[in-house]
Amino acid sequence: MTLTVPHKPHDRAFADDVARFEKNIYQTSKGVIRQAVLAADLAALIASEKPLRVLDVGAGIGQVNQLFARQGHQVVHTDIAPQMVQAAQQAHQQAGLCAQYRYEVAGLQALPERLAGQTFDVILCHAVLEWLAQPERALATLRPLLAEQGWVSLMFYNRRAKEMANLVYGNFDYVRAGLEVKKKVRFSPQRPLYIEHVKDWALAQQLTVFKHSGVRCIHDYLREREDQARDDLVAMELLYRQQDPFRQLGRYQHLLLRSER
């Protein structure tokens, strides 16, 4: 069966990039650190004895939501790219977890209509906002799907960290140009976000920051990266992820948000 879905032309989808996406993101030290930080920040929710309803937005091939599925929680896995959803289904089947899943091919903006009348205890939205044409609307769009006292796990690409890394590399002209380039890098988000803006969007939706972690606070500033995935680097990333000023330099930022109403 072929799955198709309409989407806004300015939102980025990875319909033809499943293998490259997995290789370039999840099979690298970047992916190891991302998984470690998210697993640590979400540990209490994952271990909840109460069965949780989890919605994963832009879930890709579903590595993070498997942490919930393995503990018996029910997951609605969504992605705008049908190829990503199909790859996730195959991975979950191989892991023996398909009974915990439902799948939807849909972009973030379509979810309130697609999932009308449903609410979720946990909404995961990782590395999605920076690919949207209007990221400032994302939390407002997802808010009706959040249960009372529910949680939003939001990870996004940090503009300040991108600036800092390019300053360290000596790419001064690029920084002066506002981080704009003529040729886009395929897996490099082109709309990095300011932490304070995202926190303002959360506050407007009556979401309180419960945890705030930096992802790759150290990794991206190393001179030598052949040993990037070593255990001591991951341990140091976990140690410094919630300490300022280090977390402000994380290439990604993770906010665990709690509903106030």
Protein backbone atom coordinates (compact mmCIF):
# COMPACT_ATOMS: atom_id res chain seq x y z
CA MET A 1 0.00 0.00 0.00
CA THR A 2 1.30 3.44 -0.91
CA LEU A 3 0.80 6.12 1.73
CA THR A 4 0.62 9.75 0.68
CA VAL A 5 -0.11 12.96 2.52
CA PRO A 6 -0.34 16.61 1.46
CA HIS A 7 1.84 19.07 3.30
CA LYS A 8 2.79 22.72 3.24
CA PRO A 9 5.44 23.38 0.61
CA HIS A 10 7.76 25.21 2.97
CA ASP A 11 7.84 22.50 5.66
CA ARG A 12 10.72 20.05 5.23
CA ALA A 13 9.92 16.34 4.89
CA PHE A 14 12.45 13.50 4.57
CA ALA A 15 10.46 11.30 2.21
CA ASP A 16 13.46 10.00 0.27
CA ASP A 17 16.11 10.09 2.98
CA VAL A 18 15.34 7.21 5.34
CA ALA A 19 18.64 5.35 4.97
CA ARG A 20 20.79 8.49 4.85
CA PHE A 21 18.87 10.02 7.75
CA GLU A 22 19.47 6.95 9.92
CA LYS A 23 23.16 6.76 8.95
CA ASN A 24 23.91 10.50 9.30
CA ILE A 25 21.94 11.07 12.49
CA TYR A 26 21.25 7.96 14.52
CA GLN A 27 24.32 5.89 13.70
CA THR A 28 26.72 8.64 14.77
CA SER A 29 27.93 10.01 18.07
CA LYS A 30 25.40 12.81 17.58
CA GLY A 31 22.61 10.24 17.77
CA VAL A 32 24.17 8.46 20.74
CA ILE A 33 24.26 11.70 22.73
CA ARG A 34 20.75 12.69 21.66
CA GLN A 35 19.34 9.34 22.78
CA ALA A 36 21.22 9.46 26.08
CA VAL A 37 19.99 12.94 27.00
CA LEU A 38 16.38 12.27 26.04
CA ALA A 39 16.37 8.92 27.87
CA ALA A 40 17.72 10.60 31.01
CA ASP A 41 15.28 13.52 30.89
CA LEU A 42 12.27 11.28 30.18
CA ALA A 43 13.24 8.44 32.52
CA ALA A 44 10.51 9.09 35.11
CA LEU A 45 7.77 9.21 32.47
CA ILE A 46 9.07 6.10 30.72
CA ALA A 47 9.07 4.23 34.05
CA SER A 48 5.52 5.33 34.95
CA GLU A 49 3.43 2.45 36.28
CA LYS A 50 0.35 4.13 34.86
CA PRO A 51 -0.03 3.25 31.15
CA LEU A 52 0.53 6.45 29.22
CA ARG A 53 -0.88 7.61 25.90
CA VAL A 54 2.06 8.94 23.89
CA LEU A 55 1.95 10.97 20.68
CA ASP A 56 5.22 11.28 18.75
CA VAL A 57 5.17 14.11 16.21
CA GLY A 58 7.66 13.91 13.37
CA ALA A 59 8.78 10.62 14.87
CA GLY A 60 11.04 9.53 12.01
CA ILE A 61 11.96 5.88 12.37
CA GLY A 62 10.91 5.78 16.01
CA GLN A 63 13.98 5.19 18.13
CA VAL A 64 12.91 7.48 20.98
CA ASN A 65 9.33 6.30 21.25
CA GLN A 66 10.54 2.69 21.53
CA LEU A 67 11.66 3.61 25.05
CA PHE A 68 7.99 4.10 25.93
CA ALA A 69 6.69 1.14 23.93
CA ARG A 70 9.07 -1.26 25.69
CA GLN A 71 7.53 -0.24 29.02
CA GLY A 72 4.00 -1.00 27.83
CA HIS A 73 2.84 2.50 26.95
CA GLN A 74 0.65 3.06 23.88
CA VAL A 75 2.24 5.20 21.14
CA VAL A 76 0.76 7.00 18.15
CA HIS A 77 3.68 7.36 15.77
CA THR A 78 3.30 10.15 13.20
CA ASP A 79 5.46 11.56 10.44
CA ILE A 80 4.82 13.61 7.33
CA ALA A 81 6.92 11.20 5.21
CA PRO A 82 5.24 7.84 4.42
CA GLN A 83 8.65 6.22 3.89
CA MET A 84 9.65 7.13 7.44
CA VAL A 85 6.47 5.63 8.85
CA GLN A 86 6.96 2.43 6.87
CA ALA A 87 10.57 2.16 8.09
CA ALA A 88 9.39 2.69 11.68
CA GLN A 89 6.78 -0.03 11.33
CA GLN A 90 9.44 -2.47 10.13
CA ALA A 91 11.78 -1.56 13.00
CA HIS A 92 9.01 -1.92 15.58
CA GLN A 93 7.95 -5.23 14.10
CA GLN A 94 11.51 -6.54 14.33
CA ALA A 95 11.60 -5.43 17.97
CA GLY A 96 8.30 -7.19 18.70
CA LEU A 97 6.60 -3.94 19.69
CA CYS A 98 3.91 -3.40 17.05
CA ALA A 99 1.08 -4.12 19.51
CA GLN A 100 1.99 -0.88 21.30
CA TYR A 101 1.68 1.29 18.17
CA ARG A 102 -0.68 3.11 15.88
CA TYR A 103 0.66 4.90 12.83
CA GLU A 104 -0.41 8.07 11.06
CA VAL A 105 1.11 9.71 7.99
CA ALA A 106 0.46 13.37 8.75
CA GLY A 107 2.24 16.64 9.26
CA LEU A 108 2.05 18.48 12.57
CA GLN A 109 -0.58 20.91 11.33
CA ALA A 110 -2.95 18.09 10.33
CA LEU A 111 -2.89 16.26 13.66
CA PRO A 112 -5.70 18.10 15.51
CA GLU A 113 -8.12 17.13 12.76
CA ARG A 114 -6.67 13.65 12.23
CA LEU A 115 -6.74 12.87 15.98
CA ALA A 116 -9.86 14.87 16.88
CA GLY A 117 -11.34 13.95 20.24
CA GLN A 118 -8.16 12.28 21.49
CA THR A 119 -5.74 13.53 24.11
CA PHE A 120 -2.31 12.31 25.16
CA ASP A 121 -0.42 12.17 28.43
CA VAL A 122 2.90 12.77 26.64
CA ILE A 123 3.58 14.54 23.36
CA LEU A 124 7.06 14.08 21.88
CA CYS A 125 8.19 16.67 19.33
CA HIS A 126 11.89 16.28 18.64
CA ALA A 127 13.85 18.11 15.92
CA VAL A 128 10.68 19.25 14.16
CA LEU A 129 10.24 22.97 14.83
CA GLU A 130 13.37 24.02 12.94
CA TRP A 131 12.01 22.43 9.75
CA LEU A 132 8.65 24.23 9.84
CA ALA A 133 7.77 27.37 7.94
CA GLN A 134 5.92 28.69 11.00
CA PRO A 135 7.47 27.09 14.10
CA GLU A 136 5.88 29.65 16.40
CA ARG A 137 2.48 28.02 15.77
CA ALA A 138 3.50 24.47 16.60
CA LEU A 139 2.73 24.40 20.33
CA ALA A 140 -0.61 26.15 19.85
CA THR A 141 -1.51 23.55 17.22
CA LEU A 142 -0.61 20.63 19.48
CA ARG A 143 -2.12 22.08 22.67
CA PRO A 144 -5.67 20.69 22.16
CA LEU A 145 -4.19 17.19 21.96
CA LEU A 146 -2.54 17.43 25.40
CA ALA A 147 -4.32 15.87 28.37
CA GLU A 148 -4.74 17.74 31.65
CA GLN A 149 -1.44 17.76 33.52
CA GLY A 150 0.16 16.29 30.42
CA TRP A 151 3.76 16.61 29.29
CA VAL A 152 5.42 17.94 26.14
CA SER A 153 8.96 16.85 25.30
CA LEU A 154 10.24 19.50 22.89
CA MET A 155 13.70 19.39 21.31
CA PHE A 156 14.81 22.05 18.84
CA TYR A 157 17.89 23.38 17.03
CA ASN A 158 19.60 26.17 18.97
CA ARG A 159 20.58 29.31 17.05
CA ARG A 160 23.02 30.53 19.72
CA ALA A 161 24.93 27.24 19.58
CA LYS A 162 25.14 27.41 15.80
CA GLU A 163 26.54 30.93 16.08
CA MET A 164 29.03 29.89 18.75
CA ALA A 165 30.28 26.87 16.81
CA ASN A 166 30.88 28.96 13.70
CA LEU A 167 32.67 31.61 15.72
CA VAL A 168 34.93 28.90 17.17
CA TYR A 169 35.58 27.59 13.65
CA GLY A 170 36.42 31.10 12.48
CA ASN A 171 33.51 31.31 10.01
CA PHE A 172 33.08 35.01 10.68
CA ASP A 173 31.62 35.93 7.27
CA TYR A 174 28.94 33.29 7.72
CA VAL A 175 28.02 34.68 11.14
CA ARG A 176 27.99 38.24 9.76
CA ALA A 177 25.61 37.02 7.04
CA GLY A 178 23.15 35.90 9.70
CA LEU A 179 23.96 32.21 9.15
CA GLU A 180 22.46 32.41 5.66
CA VAL A 181 23.98 30.43 2.81
CA LYS A 182 23.07 30.06 -0.85
CA LYS A 183 23.46 26.28 -0.87
CA LYS A 184 21.52 24.41 1.81
CA VAL A 185 23.08 21.43 3.60
CA ARG A 186 20.63 18.53 3.35
CA PHE A 187 20.45 17.57 7.04
CA SER A 188 21.36 20.95 8.55
CA PRO A 189 18.25 22.79 9.77
CA GLN A 190 17.92 26.22 8.20
CA ARG A 191 15.67 27.78 10.87
CA PRO A 192 17.54 27.51 14.18
CA LEU A 193 15.55 28.95 17.05
CA TYR A 194 16.30 31.18 20.02
CA ILE A 195 15.72 29.51 23.40
CA GLU A 196 13.91 32.54 24.79
CA HIS A 197 11.47 32.59 21.87
CA VAL A 198 10.53 28.93 22.32
CA LYS A 199 10.05 29.45 26.07
CA ASP A 200 7.75 32.39 25.31
CA TRP A 201 5.70 30.20 22.96
CA ALA A 202 5.40 27.59 25.73
CA LEU A 203 4.34 30.18 28.31
CA ALA A 204 1.65 31.48 25.96
CA GLN A 205 0.18 27.95 25.94
CA GLN A 206 0.31 27.66 29.75
CA LEU A 207 3.17 25.19 29.64
CA THR A 208 5.76 25.33 32.41
CA VAL A 209 9.40 24.33 31.92
CA PHE A 210 9.99 21.33 34.19
CA LYS A 211 13.42 20.38 32.80
CA HIS A 212 15.78 22.17 30.45
CA SER A 213 18.78 20.34 29.00
CA GLY A 214 21.37 21.05 26.33
CA VAL A 215 22.10 18.30 23.80
CA ARG A 216 25.70 18.16 22.49
CA CYS A 217 27.05 20.83 24.83
CA ILE A 218 30.60 19.50 24.40
CA HIS A 219 30.65 17.31 21.31
CA ASP A 220 30.39 20.05 18.70
CA TYR A 221 33.31 22.01 20.12
CA LEU A 222 35.85 19.17 20.17
CA ARG A 223 38.95 19.55 18.03
CA GLU A 224 39.32 15.82 17.43
CA ARG A 225 36.20 13.75 16.92
CA GLU A 226 37.40 10.24 16.10
CA ASP A 227 36.54 9.17 19.66
CA GLN A 228 33.31 11.15 19.83
CA ALA A 229 31.09 8.28 20.98
CA ARG A 230 33.33 7.20 23.85
CA ASP A 231 31.59 6.54 27.15
CA ASP A 232 33.31 9.36 29.03
CA LEU A 233 32.06 11.95 26.51
CA VAL A 234 28.47 10.77 26.90
CA ALA A 235 28.90 10.83 30.69
CA MET A 236 30.19 14.41 30.58
CA GLU A 237 27.36 15.46 28.27
CA LEU A 238 24.88 14.09 30.81
CA LEU A 239 26.72 15.78 33.69
CA TYR A 240 26.76 19.25 32.12
CA ARG A 241 23.47 19.17 30.21
CA GLN A 242 21.53 21.14 32.85
CA GLN A 243 24.31 23.45 34.00
CA ASP A 244 24.61 27.00 32.70
CA PRO A 245 26.36 28.30 30.68
CA PHE A 246 27.09 24.87 29.16
CA ARG A 247 23.52 23.90 28.34
CA GLN A 248 23.03 27.18 26.48
CA LEU A 249 25.74 25.97 24.07
CA GLY A 250 24.04 22.64 23.30
CA ARG A 251 23.43 22.37 19.56
CA TYR A 252 19.93 21.19 20.44
CA GLN A 253 17.82 22.19 23.42
CA HIS A 254 15.39 19.88 25.22
CA LEU A 255 12.49 21.36 27.18
CA LEU A 256 10.28 19.06 29.20
CA LEU A 257 7.07 21.06 29.60
CA ARG A 258 4.13 20.46 31.95
CA SER A 259 0.58 21.58 31.34
CA GLU A 260 -0.67 24.09 33.91
CA ARG A 261 -4.32 23.45 33.27
